[in-house]
Amino acid sequence: MILVLSDVHLGYARCNKKVSSIFLDTYEKGNIDHLILLGDFFDF
């Protein structure tokens, strides 16, 4: 499985860290072969 995350913007005051965390926890035990991060993952 390929998991793709885009434009998470961690560090931005209005980013939804809880939803991102729940999403990643959901797939943590899955069969992920590749994790692809697109766009702005961190926002400083």
Protein backbone atom coordinates (compact mmCIF):
# COMPACT_ATOMS: atom_id res chain seq x y z
CA MET A 1 0.00 0.00 0.00
CA ILE A 2 1.14 3.53 -0.74
CA LEU A 3 0.01 6.19 1.73
CA VAL A 4 0.14 9.81 0.55
CA LEU A 5 -0.18 12.86 2.82
CA SER A 6 -0.32 16.36 1.42
CA ASP A 7 -0.24 19.86 2.92
CA VAL A 8 -0.48 18.90 6.59
CA HIS A 9 1.13 22.21 7.71
CA LEU A 10 2.25 21.07 11.16
CA GLY A 11 3.34 24.12 13.12
CA TYR A 12 0.58 26.35 11.75
CA ALA A 13 -1.70 27.56 14.54
CA ARG A 14 -4.86 26.30 12.81
CA CYS A 15 -3.56 22.93 11.60
CA ASN A 16 -5.57 19.97 12.77
CA LYS A 17 -2.89 17.88 14.53
CA LYS A 18 -5.43 15.58 16.14
CA VAL A 19 -6.98 14.52 12.84
CA SER A 20 -3.53 13.97 11.30
CA SER A 21 -2.49 11.87 14.28
CA ILE A 22 -5.66 9.76 14.18
CA PHE A 23 -5.23 9.24 10.44
CA LEU A 24 -1.63 8.03 10.85
CA ASP A 25 -2.54 5.83 13.82
CA THR A 26 -5.23 4.18 11.71
CA TYR A 27 -2.65 3.06 9.15
CA GLU A 28 0.17 2.38 11.62
CA LYS A 29 -0.69 -1.31 11.88
CA GLY A 30 -1.52 -1.67 8.20
CA ASN A 31 0.63 -2.92 5.42
CA ILE A 32 2.22 0.35 4.25
CA ASP A 33 5.06 -0.07 1.77
CA HIS A 34 5.66 3.61 1.07
CA LEU A 35 4.76 6.88 2.80
CA ILE A 36 4.82 9.87 0.45
CA LEU A 37 4.73 13.39 1.87
CA LEU A 38 3.63 16.07 -0.60
CA GLY A 39 3.34 19.79 -0.26
CA ASP A 40 4.05 21.58 2.99
CA PHE A 41 4.29 19.05 5.80
CA PHE A 42 5.83 21.49 8.30
CA ASP A 43 4.92 25.16 8.47
CA PHE A 44 7.25 27.50 10.35
